[in-house]
Structure formats: C-alpha cells, structure tokens
Amino acid sequence: MTGLFSLAGRTAMVTGASRGLGRAIALGLAQAGASLVLAARDGAKLEETAGEIRDAGGQARTIAFDLADLDAVQAATRKLNAEGPAIDILVNNGAIGGWGPLHDSTLGQWENMFDVNVSSMYLLCRDLSKGMAARKWGRIINFASYVSDTGRPNLSAYVASKHAVLGLTRSIAADLAPHGVTCNAIAPGFFDTDMAAPTVGHPERAKIFRSAIALDRFGDPKEMVGPVQFLASDASAYITGHMLPVDGGVANILSLPVVVET
C-alpha cells in the first residue's frame, strides 16, 4: 500500500490481538505495511495471529500479559521502552464486557472492569506515548463503544468504563497535540465476534439486536480494518479527540419500522 494510508516503516501495537476485532485489525495494519507488536493473555493464540502475518511477508512479535494485571501492563511498557521496538501506533482494543442488574453487582466486578477497560489503557497511553512525543509523530486509537455517550440498563460498570474511555481519549488528545501525536476513539457496535457469541448465536436475541441496527446485520471484524487504518495513517493527520462510530447506524440512526399508509 502506498500514499496517505501507507503504514510502511511504522510499528503498531494492538491489544486483544489474539482473536476477534483485534486479530482482524492486526492483519489489516500489517497489510498496510506496519510491523506489529501483538498483545493479549493467550500467548499461543497470539502466535497464531503472528504466524499469519509472517506467512504473508509481514513482521510481528508477541508480548503476552493480562490487562487486568496492572503490574504486568507496566512491566510490558518498561520492556518495550527499554528494548524496543519503538511504538508509533497504539491500538487499545482489548476489553471485557459484563451484564447484570445493578443490585446484584459487586465492587470487585466494578474494579475489574475499570482495570481492564480503563486503567490498563491509561498506562499504555501514558508510557508508550512518551516515545511518540519525542519523535513528534504518533497515533493512539482507543476502543470505546456505542454506549460511550449514553446509558443502558444492566450494564452500569461497562457503560461507565466506556464513558471513561471517551473522556480519557479526549484529554490525552489535548495533552499530546503539541507533540504531533493524535488520539482518537472508535465506537464499535455489534460485531460477529466471540465476545458477542451469546447474542449473535442466539436467534431470538440476534433478531432483537439487529432491529436496532440500521443496516440490519452484525458487523464483520474485517469491516473494522479500514477505520483503524485511516486513524493510524497520515490520512487522519488533522483529526484528534474524535470518536468515530463504526456500528451500522446504531448510535446515530433510530431504526423504526416504516409505516406505509394504504
């Protein structure tokens, strides 16, 4: 790939790269010319993704750690900053979900949600952006959600964590703008991934959720590649602090049945 969307000579780190959206994103960034650092808990699955990239002629290395273990997150950033490779593009895709009534939730569940979805992201952004700022170029892409500026029942911890992601993204964008580093968020809707399997694989639930999607279908993980390539490239050089919905029309289009008078 050449031109504005080329990532040749750049190194991108993707969290949650062992499956789903993260895996698709990693493969797509490699196709655009980036070298990859793949992160997730499952080292064996990471090596499968890395193997696909290498088989296609790309470069990839893996680093396994759990986003819930904040000490491990900081150990990973120290290792990368000390030994390389220097990270030019950071894609914070890794996250967890969680459903349940407010009165049945626990403080431990809340804290775990924020450790994985927010605190680990903060640490990765803080530590890995230092090199970006020194080099006067960098791209940070944080995964928010279609619920990042709204509310949903039975999802208090998850929704709150995704609101925090949006606030963190915009504040980091302001911090790093003078240093040539952009920070944006992507807000995915419903994608056909392992995380969404309880919904996608359940006919009645799937029908209900599809009814809220203007395009009337779940997203394919490959459909996340283009938006991430855009925000990771020079094509988005004048965009920062933005949240890009990639959701088939969930967030901004109210999907209701069309009534035709006869």
Foldseek 3Di string as FASTA:
>chain_A
DDDFLAPAPAEEEFEPCLWFLNLLQQLLNLVSHYAYEYEEADPVSSVVSQVVSVVVPGHYDYDYDHLLPLVSLLVVLVCCVVPHDQHAEYEYDWAAFFFAAPVPDDPVVLSSRLSNLPVSLVSCCVRNCVVCLVVLHHFYEHEAALLLPHDDGRGVSNSVSSVNSLVVQLVVQVVRVVRNYAGEYEHEAFAPTPNCCVQCVPVVSVQVRLQLALQSDHHYSNLVNVVSSCRGGSVCSPDHSYYHYPYNCNNPDGRDDDDDDD
